[in-house]
């Protein structure tokens, strides 16, 4: 829509108020219990941020300030709506969604990650998405299995 037909200061102002939606993954939205709670909390925070912008008197400033919270609100509402809660694994015999797996690399590094949903993945904090290449190749494997990821081999040394 041309800015000539709306009460905006400029095309730049219009662009600031119409942020594109955050991309939604095409993969099933599998979540752990903690992941679902985190999504629900982020949805509440986005709602609160949207509500806070309603107190801004200047319409252009209100639109600018609401753009990001509205985008987050749409994203988290969709992620909560499509969330598929996966219970914690009942067995530690094979790697599954929700498992914590420890493996060694060719170079001697030992790493431990919990396999979780996309929105709760944080490799620096010890969790990876179930759709990541490492998680995909580890799922269904057992302690002692050796798998290739790119040009590296990983040996599973523990599953919790």
C-alpha atoms as a PDB file:
ATOM      1  CA  UNK A   1       0.000   0.000   0.000  1.00  0.00           C
ATOM      2  CA  UNK A   2       1.363   3.413  -0.913  1.00  0.00           C
ATOM      3  CA  UNK A   3       2.066   5.727   1.983  1.00  0.00           C
ATOM      4  CA  UNK A   4      -0.001   8.354   0.192  1.00  0.00           C
ATOM      5  CA  UNK A   5      -3.091   6.558   1.490  1.00  0.00           C
ATOM      6  CA  UNK A   6      -2.124   6.206   5.138  1.00  0.00           C
ATOM      7  CA  UNK A   7      -1.249   8.657   7.880  1.00  0.00           C
ATOM      8  CA  UNK A   8       2.448   7.885   8.048  1.00  0.00           C
ATOM      9  CA  UNK A   9       5.280  10.391   8.084  1.00  0.00           C
ATOM     10  CA  UNK A  10       7.205   8.614   5.331  1.00  0.00           C
ATOM     11  CA  UNK A  11       7.780   5.357   3.513  1.00  0.00           C
ATOM     12  CA  UNK A  12      10.500   4.648   6.074  1.00  0.00           C
ATOM     13  CA  UNK A  13       8.002   5.003   8.930  1.00  0.00           C
ATOM     14  CA  UNK A  14       5.566   2.703   7.151  1.00  0.00           C
ATOM     15  CA  UNK A  15       8.284   0.065   6.725  1.00  0.00           C
ATOM     16  CA  UNK A  16       9.111   0.291  10.436  1.00  0.00           C
ATOM     17  CA  UNK A  17       5.521  -0.552  11.375  1.00  0.00           C
ATOM     18  CA  UNK A  18       5.061  -3.478   8.983  1.00  0.00           C
ATOM     19  CA  UNK A  19       7.713  -5.989   9.952  1.00  0.00           C
ATOM     20  CA  UNK A  20       7.696  -9.309   8.085  1.00  0.00           C
ATOM     21  CA  UNK A  21       6.618 -12.341  10.070  1.00  0.00           C
ATOM     22  CA  UNK A  22       9.298 -14.450  11.694  1.00  0.00           C
ATOM     23  CA  UNK A  23       9.843 -17.601   9.628  1.00  0.00           C
ATOM     24  CA  UNK A  24       8.037 -20.711  10.842  1.00  0.00           C
ATOM     25  CA  UNK A  25       9.895 -23.989  10.432  1.00  0.00           C
ATOM     26  CA  UNK A  26       8.343 -26.563   8.101  1.00  0.00           C
ATOM     27  CA  UNK A  27       9.232 -29.322  10.593  1.00  0.00           C
ATOM     28  CA  UNK A  28       6.769 -30.596  13.219  1.00  0.00           C
ATOM     29  CA  UNK A  29       6.884 -28.356  16.284  1.00  0.00           C
ATOM     30  CA  UNK A  30       8.054 -30.968  18.790  1.00  0.00           C
ATOM     31  CA  UNK A  31       8.646 -29.583  22.281  1.00  0.00           C
ATOM     32  CA  UNK A  32       9.720 -30.790  25.690  1.00  0.00           C
ATOM     33  CA  UNK A  33       7.673 -29.787  28.721  1.00  0.00           C
ATOM     34  CA  UNK A  34      10.200 -27.047  29.498  1.00  0.00           C
ATOM     35  CA  UNK A  35      10.114 -25.917  25.872  1.00  0.00           C
ATOM     36  CA  UNK A  36       6.332 -25.575  25.916  1.00  0.00           C
ATOM     37  CA  UNK A  37       6.472 -23.559  29.145  1.00  0.00           C
ATOM     38  CA  UNK A  38       9.119 -21.288  27.605  1.00  0.00           C
ATOM     39  CA  UNK A  39       6.969 -20.723  24.493  1.00  0.00           C
ATOM     40  CA  UNK A  40       3.950 -19.893  26.674  1.00  0.00           C
ATOM     41  CA  UNK A  41       6.053 -17.446  28.706  1.00  0.00           C
ATOM     42  CA  UNK A  42       7.356 -15.764  25.544  1.00  0.00           C
ATOM     43  CA  UNK A  43       3.775 -15.487  24.263  1.00  0.00           C
ATOM     44  CA  UNK A  44       2.727 -13.800  27.535  1.00  0.00           C
ATOM     45  CA  UNK A  45       5.677 -11.413  27.307  1.00  0.00           C
ATOM     46  CA  UNK A  46       4.784 -10.515  23.707  1.00  0.00           C
ATOM     47  CA  UNK A  47       1.166  -9.823  24.763  1.00  0.00           C
ATOM     48  CA  UNK A  48       2.362  -7.639  27.637  1.00  0.00           C
ATOM     49  CA  UNK A  49       4.698  -5.732  25.312  1.00  0.00           C
ATOM     50  CA  UNK A  50       1.820  -5.161  22.859  1.00  0.00           C
ATOM     51  CA  UNK A  51      -0.441  -3.996  25.661  1.00  0.00           C
ATOM     52  CA  UNK A  52       2.238  -1.572  26.880  1.00  0.00           C
ATOM     53  CA  UNK A  53       2.338   0.170  23.501  1.00  0.00           C
ATOM     54  CA  UNK A  54      -1.344   1.100  23.726  1.00  0.00           C
ATOM     55  CA  UNK A  55      -0.458   3.840  26.232  1.00  0.00           C
ATOM     56  CA  UNK A  56       1.674   5.688  23.667  1.00  0.00           C
ATOM     57  CA  UNK A  57      -0.299   8.706  22.470  1.00  0.00           C
ATOM     58  CA  UNK A  58       1.442   9.449  19.172  1.00  0.00           C
ATOM     59  CA  UNK A  59      -0.041   7.030  16.627  1.00  0.00           C
ATOM     60  CA  UNK A  60       3.129   6.773  14.535  1.00  0.00           C
ATOM     61  CA  UNK A  61       5.297   6.129  17.574  1.00  0.00           C
ATOM     62  CA  UNK A  62       2.764   3.580  18.886  1.00  0.00           C
ATOM     63  CA  UNK A  63       2.898   1.721  15.547  1.00  0.00           C
ATOM     64  CA  UNK A  64       6.705   1.754  15.552  1.00  0.00           C
ATOM     65  CA  UNK A  65       6.871   0.519  19.134  1.00  0.00           C
ATOM     66  CA  UNK A  66       4.224  -2.173  18.546  1.00  0.00           C
ATOM     67  CA  UNK A  67       5.748  -3.599  15.346  1.00  0.00           C
ATOM     68  CA  UNK A  68       8.216  -5.985  16.975  1.00  0.00           C
ATOM     69  CA  UNK A  69       5.915  -7.161  19.811  1.00  0.00           C
ATOM     70  CA  UNK A  70       3.114  -7.790  17.286  1.00  0.00           C
ATOM     71  CA  UNK A  71       5.437  -9.854  15.123  1.00  0.00           C
ATOM     72  CA  UNK A  72       6.544 -11.843  18.199  1.00  0.00           C
ATOM     73  CA  UNK A  73       2.925 -12.260  19.274  1.00  0.00           C
ATOM     74  CA  UNK A  74       1.993 -13.795  15.909  1.00  0.00           C
ATOM     75  CA  UNK A  75       5.042 -16.069  15.978  1.00  0.00           C
ATOM     76  CA  UNK A  76       4.654 -17.357  19.538  1.00  0.00           C
ATOM     77  CA  UNK A  77       0.875 -17.761  19.198  1.00  0.00           C
ATOM     78  CA  UNK A  78       1.477 -20.023  16.199  1.00  0.00           C
ATOM     79  CA  UNK A  79       4.278 -21.945  17.927  1.00  0.00           C
ATOM     80  CA  UNK A  80       2.146 -22.571  21.023  1.00  0.00           C
ATOM     81  CA  UNK A  81      -0.838 -23.544  18.842  1.00  0.00           C
ATOM     82  CA  UNK A  82       1.200 -26.085  16.858  1.00  0.00           C
ATOM     83  CA  UNK A  83       3.336 -27.415  19.725  1.00  0.00           C
ATOM     84  CA  UNK A  84       3.439 -31.198  20.017  1.00  0.00           C
ATOM     85  CA  UNK A  85       4.468 -32.109  23.552  1.00  0.00           C
ATOM     86  CA  UNK A  86       6.827 -35.088  23.559  1.00  0.00           C
ATOM     87  CA  UNK A  87       7.194 -36.843  26.917  1.00  0.00           C
ATOM     88  CA  UNK A  88      10.677 -37.505  28.248  1.00  0.00           C
ATOM     89  CA  UNK A  89      12.129 -40.761  26.913  1.00  0.00           C
ATOM     90  CA  UNK A  90      11.418 -43.806  29.052  1.00  0.00           C
ATOM     91  CA  UNK A  91      14.585 -45.613  27.998  1.00  0.00           C
ATOM     92  CA  UNK A  92      18.238 -44.683  27.817  1.00  0.00           C
ATOM     93  CA  UNK A  93      19.097 -47.533  25.471  1.00  0.00           C
ATOM     94  CA  UNK A  94      18.841 -45.410  22.319  1.00  0.00           C
ATOM     95  CA  UNK A  95      19.022 -41.694  21.609  1.00  0.00           C
ATOM     96  CA  UNK A  96      15.572 -40.099  21.288  1.00  0.00           C
ATOM     97  CA  UNK A  97      13.939 -36.683  21.415  1.00  0.00           C
ATOM     98  CA  UNK A  98      14.564 -35.393  24.946  1.00  0.00           C
ATOM     99  CA  UNK A  99      17.645 -37.582  25.505  1.00  0.00           C
ATOM    100  CA  UNK A 100      20.896 -36.177  26.748  1.00  0.00           C
ATOM    101  CA  UNK A 101      23.673 -37.759  24.719  1.00  0.00           C
ATOM    102  CA  UNK A 102      27.417 -37.616  25.272  1.00  0.00           C
ATOM    103  CA  UNK A 103      29.753 -38.374  22.400  1.00  0.00           C
ATOM    104  CA  UNK A 104      33.419 -38.115  21.591  1.00  0.00           C
ATOM    105  CA  UNK A 105      34.799 -36.640  18.387  1.00  0.00           C
ATOM    106  CA  UNK A 106      37.821 -37.698  16.346  1.00  0.00           C
ATOM    107  CA  UNK A 107      39.815 -34.794  17.743  1.00  0.00           C
ATOM    108  CA  UNK A 108      39.277 -35.989  21.332  1.00  0.00           C
ATOM    109  CA  UNK A 109      36.599 -33.471  22.313  1.00  0.00           C
ATOM    110  CA  UNK A 110      33.757 -34.860  24.385  1.00  0.00           C
ATOM    111  CA  UNK A 111      30.419 -33.070  24.059  1.00  0.00           C
ATOM    112  CA  UNK A 112      27.053 -33.487  25.755  1.00  0.00           C
ATOM    113  CA  UNK A 113      23.784 -32.199  24.317  1.00  0.00           C
ATOM    114  CA  UNK A 114      20.114 -32.640  25.046  1.00  0.00           C
ATOM    115  CA  UNK A 115      17.973 -33.098  21.938  1.00  0.00           C
ATOM    116  CA  UNK A 116      15.066 -30.647  22.083  1.00  0.00           C
ATOM    117  CA  UNK A 117      12.642 -28.641  19.951  1.00  0.00           C
ATOM    118  CA  UNK A 118      13.792 -25.935  17.565  1.00  0.00           C
ATOM    119  CA  UNK A 119      12.713 -22.967  19.703  1.00  0.00           C
ATOM    120  CA  UNK A 120      14.457 -24.202  22.842  1.00  0.00           C
ATOM    121  CA  UNK A 121      17.725 -25.268  21.210  1.00  0.00           C
ATOM    122  CA  UNK A 122      20.787 -23.458  22.525  1.00  0.00           C
ATOM    123  CA  UNK A 123      24.055 -25.260  21.721  1.00  0.00           C
ATOM    124  CA  UNK A 124      26.065 -23.002  24.048  1.00  0.00           C
ATOM    125  CA  UNK A 125      23.779 -24.077  26.897  1.00  0.00           C
ATOM    126  CA  UNK A 126      23.954 -27.771  25.962  1.00  0.00           C
ATOM    127  CA  UNK A 127      20.863 -28.348  23.814  1.00  0.00           C
ATOM    128  CA  UNK A 128      20.473 -28.923  20.081  1.00  0.00           C
ATOM    129  CA  UNK A 129      17.435 -29.046  17.840  1.00  0.00           C
ATOM    130  CA  UNK A 130      16.124 -32.437  16.850  1.00  0.00           C
ATOM    131  CA  UNK A 131      16.395 -31.347  13.196  1.00  0.00           C
ATOM    132  CA  UNK A 132      20.093 -30.466  13.439  1.00  0.00           C
ATOM    133  CA  UNK A 133      22.412 -32.739  11.444  1.00  0.00           C
ATOM    134  CA  UNK A 134      24.072 -34.128  14.585  1.00  0.00           C
ATOM    135  CA  UNK A 135      20.774 -34.876  16.336  1.00  0.00           C
ATOM    136  CA  UNK A 136      19.285 -36.470  13.226  1.00  0.00           C
ATOM    137  CA  UNK A 137      22.164 -38.881  12.859  1.00  0.00           C
ATOM    138  CA  UNK A 138      22.311 -39.723  16.587  1.00  0.00           C
ATOM    139  CA  UNK A 139      18.605 -40.501  17.049  1.00  0.00           C
ATOM    140  CA  UNK A 140      17.958 -44.225  17.266  1.00  0.00           C
ATOM    141  CA  UNK A 141      21.609 -45.018  17.997  1.00  0.00           C
ATOM    142  CA  UNK A 142      23.012 -46.696  21.125  1.00  0.00           C
ATOM    143  CA  UNK A 143      26.084 -46.356  23.339  1.00  0.00           C
ATOM    144  CA  UNK A 144      29.142 -47.537  21.429  1.00  0.00           C
ATOM    145  CA  UNK A 145      27.720 -46.675  18.007  1.00  0.00           C
ATOM    146  CA  UNK A 146      29.991 -44.660  15.743  1.00  0.00           C
ATOM    147  CA  UNK A 147      28.398 -42.293  13.236  1.00  0.00           C
ATOM    148  CA  UNK A 148      29.794 -39.997  10.563  1.00  0.00           C
ATOM    149  CA  UNK A 149      28.852 -36.336  10.461  1.00  0.00           C
ATOM    150  CA  UNK A 150      30.547 -34.597   7.575  1.00  0.00           C
ATOM    151  CA  UNK A 151      34.197 -35.562   7.751  1.00  0.00           C
ATOM    152  CA  UNK A 152      34.098 -36.427  11.460  1.00  0.00           C
ATOM    153  CA  UNK A 153      33.194 -39.563  13.351  1.00  0.00           C
ATOM    154  CA  UNK A 154      31.292 -39.401  16.622  1.00  0.00           C
ATOM    155  CA  UNK A 155      31.171 -42.224  19.147  1.00  0.00           C
ATOM    156  CA  UNK A 156      28.241 -42.283  21.562  1.00  0.00           C
ATOM    157  CA  UNK A 157      29.585 -42.799  25.070  1.00  0.00           C
ATOM    158  CA  UNK A 158      26.505 -42.111  27.233  1.00  0.00           C
ATOM    159  CA  UNK A 159      22.745 -41.590  26.980  1.00  0.00           C
ATOM    160  CA  UNK A 160      20.694 -40.113  29.809  1.00  0.00           C
END
